[in-house]
Protein backbone atom coordinates (compact mmCIF):
# COMPACT_ATOMS: atom_id res chain seq x y z
CA MET A 1 -29.58 -13.97 -25.77
CA ALA A 2 -28.54 -17.01 -23.66
CA ASP A 3 -25.58 -17.67 -26.00
CA LEU A 4 -24.37 -14.11 -25.55
CA THR A 5 -24.55 -14.47 -21.76
CA ASP A 6 -22.67 -17.78 -21.85
CA ALA A 7 -19.97 -16.19 -24.01
CA GLU A 8 -19.68 -13.27 -21.60
CA ILE A 9 -19.39 -15.63 -18.63
CA ASP A 10 -16.73 -17.70 -20.40
CA ALA A 11 -14.77 -14.53 -21.24
CA ALA A 12 -14.99 -13.34 -17.63
CA LEU A 13 -13.79 -16.71 -16.33
CA GLU A 14 -10.85 -16.61 -18.75
CA ARG A 15 -9.94 -13.08 -17.60
CA GLY A 16 -10.04 -14.36 -14.02
CA ARG A 17 -7.72 -17.27 -14.84
CA ILE A 18 -5.25 -14.92 -16.53
CA ALA A 19 -5.39 -12.49 -13.61
CA GLN A 20 -4.66 -15.28 -11.13
CA GLN A 21 -1.56 -16.24 -13.08
CA THR A 22 -0.21 -12.75 -13.78
CA GLU A 23 -1.29 -10.33 -11.04
CA PRO A 24 0.64 -10.10 -7.77
CA ARG A 25 -1.10 -11.92 -4.93
CA ALA A 26 -0.07 -12.77 -1.39
CA ALA A 27 0.49 -16.42 -0.55
CA SER A 28 1.35 -15.56 3.07
CA ALA A 29 1.96 -12.52 5.24
CA ARG A 30 3.52 -12.03 8.67
CA TYR A 31 5.05 -9.42 10.91
CA ASP A 32 8.75 -9.99 11.63
CA ARG A 33 9.48 -8.48 15.07
CA LYS A 34 13.24 -8.69 14.61
CA SER A 35 13.35 -6.59 11.44
CA GLY A 36 10.22 -4.58 12.28
CA ARG A 37 8.73 -5.28 8.85
CA ILE A 38 5.65 -6.84 7.32
CA ILE A 39 6.84 -9.72 5.10
CA VAL A 40 4.60 -10.74 2.20
CA GLU A 41 5.37 -13.90 0.23
CA LEU A 42 3.84 -13.67 -3.23
CA THR A 43 2.37 -16.52 -5.25
CA ASN A 44 5.05 -16.02 -7.93
CA GLY A 45 7.83 -16.82 -5.44
CA CYS A 46 8.91 -13.23 -4.78
CA THR A 47 9.01 -11.67 -1.31
CA PHE A 48 8.06 -8.10 -0.45
CA ALA A 49 8.73 -6.37 2.88
CA PHE A 50 7.84 -2.93 4.21
CA PRO A 51 8.03 -1.05 7.53
CA PRO A 52 4.53 -0.73 8.99
CA HIS A 53 5.00 2.91 10.02
CA MET A 54 4.78 3.80 6.30
CA ALA A 55 1.29 2.31 5.85
CA GLN A 56 -2.00 4.00 6.61
CA GLY A 57 -3.60 2.48 9.69
CA LEU A 58 -0.42 0.75 10.86
CA GLU A 59 1.62 3.82 11.86
CA THR A 60 1.23 3.45 15.63
CA ALA A 61 0.31 -0.25 15.85
CA LYS A 62 1.86 -2.48 18.49
CA ASP A 63 3.79 -5.64 17.60
CA ASP A 64 0.94 -7.93 18.70
CA GLU A 65 -1.54 -6.00 16.54
CA LEU A 66 0.76 -6.15 13.52
CA ALA A 67 1.24 -9.90 13.97
CA SER A 68 -2.47 -10.54 13.40
CA VAL A 69 -2.33 -9.88 9.65
CA GLU A 70 -4.77 -11.82 7.45
CA ILE A 71 -4.88 -12.32 3.67
CA LEU A 72 -8.08 -11.30 1.89
CA GLY A 73 -9.56 -11.64 -1.58
CA ALA A 74 -7.55 -14.53 -3.02
CA GLY A 75 -4.35 -12.76 -1.97
CA TYR A 76 -5.13 -9.28 -3.28
CA GLY A 77 -5.41 -7.67 0.17
CA LEU A 78 -3.99 -7.63 3.68
CA HIS A 79 -6.25 -7.04 6.69
CA TRP A 80 -5.72 -6.24 10.38
CA GLU A 81 -9.03 -6.75 12.20
CA ALA A 82 -8.01 -5.09 15.50
CA LEU A 83 -6.71 -2.04 13.62
CA ASP A 84 -9.55 -1.91 11.08
CA ALA A 85 -6.86 -1.55 8.41
CA ASP A 86 -6.77 -2.95 4.88
CA LEU A 87 -4.02 -2.65 2.29
CA SER A 88 -3.98 -3.71 -1.36
CA VAL A 89 -1.11 -6.02 -2.35
CA PRO A 90 -0.88 -4.59 -5.90
CA GLY A 91 -0.99 -1.11 -4.36
CA LEU A 92 1.81 -1.87 -1.91
CA LEU A 93 3.95 -3.21 -4.74
CA ALA A 94 3.32 0.03 -6.62
CA GLY A 95 4.44 2.04 -3.57
CA LEU A 96 0.95 3.08 -2.46
CA PHE A 97 0.77 2.79 1.31
CA GLY A 98 -2.65 4.40 1.77
CA THR A 99 -5.28 6.61 0.19
CA ARG A 100 -4.39 9.44 -2.16
CA ALA A 101 -4.88 12.01 0.64
CA TYR A 102 -2.68 9.98 3.01
CA MET A 103 0.07 9.66 0.41
CA ALA A 104 -0.07 13.42 -0.28
CA ARG A 105 0.39 14.15 3.44
CA ARG A 106 3.30 11.70 3.60
CA ALA A 107 4.95 13.35 0.59
CA GLY A 108 4.74 16.73 2.31
CA GLN A 109 6.57 15.29 5.32
CA ALA A 110 9.58 14.23 3.27
CA THR A 111 12.79 15.92 4.33
CA SER A 112 16.08 16.22 2.55
CA PRO A 113 19.08 18.54 2.72
CA ALA A 114 17.87 20.22 -0.48
CA LYS A 115 14.37 20.81 0.94
CA ALA A 116 15.79 22.22 4.18
CA ALA A 117 18.13 24.56 2.25
CA ALA A 118 15.26 25.77 0.05
CA ALA A 119 13.09 26.45 3.13
CA ARG A 120 15.92 28.44 4.75
CA ALA A 121 16.49 30.44 1.57
CA ASN A 122 12.77 31.14 1.23
CA GLY A 123 12.58 32.19 4.89
CA ALA A 124 15.51 34.59 4.40
CA LYS A 125 13.53 36.26 1.60
CA GLY A 126 10.55 36.84 3.89
CA GLY A 127 8.78 33.50 3.39
CA ARG A 128 6.03 32.56 1.01
CA PRO A 129 4.44 35.53 -0.81
CA ARG A 130 0.86 36.33 0.14
CA LYS A 131 -1.84 35.35 -2.33
CA GLN A 132 -3.36 38.19 -4.31
CA ALA A 133 -7.17 38.31 -4.20
């Protein structure tokens, strides 16, 4: 039984080493007041930037609050203590700026000429049909 446990521990350590080399992690993070963006330097040499108003918990934050960003979990997360906000670095890189519910609300706020035209056309027809019970 002890050999099995040692093998499992060795396998887990190896998975951790591979993850550290391949998964995106933050080496540093800062708020750039001039551009109005959070700048994240990754351990692989790439740089990622995003406007804070897109991220859950940062929408109405002041510059001084945004500047107090910390890196968590070996670079897998960003944290703002004063805002009680946490964001996942892999999630940000995948375009996830909050929880599933937050992202769904953000998607509903999207505007485009096509969406506006469709809303006008639907309104001209009397709006959305009532649901049948």
